Amino acid sequence: MPISPNQGSTGGGFAATLTGTGLTGATMVRFGSKPATITASSPTSVSVVAPSGPAWSMPR
């Protein structure tokens, strides 16, 4: 599932958007073991505020 941006810092607090299908009713997004705060969702995307934690990146 694509995520934008595809990397983040340890401080968290930045917006990220996951895109895909079947996302209606999404109730949880985690970065590792930490939950993100969902700010919006639709059938094809979920927008979140990332939590603080280890720096991360998604493979391209």
Protein backbone atom coordinates (compact mmCIF):
# COMPACT_ATOMS: atom_id res chain seq x y z
CA MET A 1 0.00 0.00 0.00
CA PRO A 2 1.62 3.32 -1.03
CA ILE A 3 2.23 5.97 1.62
CA SER A 4 3.18 9.59 1.05
CA PRO A 5 5.63 10.81 2.16
CA ASN A 6 7.57 7.55 1.96
CA GLN A 7 9.84 8.38 4.91
CA GLY A 8 9.58 10.17 8.22
CA SER A 9 11.56 11.48 11.15
CA THR A 10 11.61 10.48 14.80
CA GLY A 11 9.63 13.53 15.91
CA GLY A 12 6.36 12.47 14.28
CA GLY A 13 3.55 14.99 14.01
CA PHE A 14 3.61 15.12 10.21
CA ALA A 15 0.75 14.29 7.84
CA ALA A 16 0.87 11.10 5.80
CA THR A 17 -1.60 9.59 3.33
CA LEU A 18 -2.02 5.90 2.56
CA THR A 19 -3.69 5.01 -0.71
CA GLY A 20 -5.29 1.80 -1.88
CA THR A 21 -8.72 0.20 -2.09
CA GLY A 22 -11.16 -1.07 0.52
CA LEU A 23 -10.19 1.54 3.09
CA THR A 24 -13.74 2.54 4.03
CA GLY A 25 -14.16 2.36 7.79
CA ALA A 26 -10.44 2.22 8.58
CA THR A 27 -10.08 2.56 12.34
CA MET A 28 -6.36 2.09 12.94
CA VAL A 29 -3.05 2.82 11.25
CA ARG A 30 0.20 1.92 12.97
CA PHE A 31 3.77 2.99 12.37
CA GLY A 32 5.53 -0.02 13.84
CA SER A 33 3.73 -0.58 17.13
CA LYS A 34 2.58 3.04 17.56
CA PRO A 35 -0.88 4.16 16.45
CA ALA A 36 -1.28 7.17 14.18
CA THR A 37 -4.16 9.62 14.48
CA ILE A 38 -6.60 9.25 11.58
CA THR A 39 -7.72 12.65 10.31
CA ALA A 40 -9.73 11.60 7.22
CA SER A 41 -10.65 8.46 5.34
CA SER A 42 -12.36 7.45 2.13
CA PRO A 43 -12.69 4.22 0.15
CA THR A 44 -9.29 4.89 -1.48
CA SER A 45 -7.21 6.82 1.09
CA VAL A 46 -6.55 7.34 4.79
CA SER A 47 -4.89 10.51 6.06
CA VAL A 48 -3.07 10.38 9.39
CA VAL A 49 -0.78 12.30 11.70
CA ALA A 50 2.25 10.11 12.34
CA PRO A 51 3.34 9.36 15.92
CA SER A 52 6.82 9.95 17.27
CA GLY A 53 9.17 6.98 17.21
CA PRO A 54 12.04 5.54 15.21
CA ALA A 55 12.76 7.09 11.82
CA TRP A 56 11.22 5.01 9.04
CA SER A 57 11.10 4.63 5.29
CA MET A 58 9.04 2.59 2.87
CA PRO A 59 10.69 0.69 0.03
CA ARG A 60 10.10 2.22 -3.37
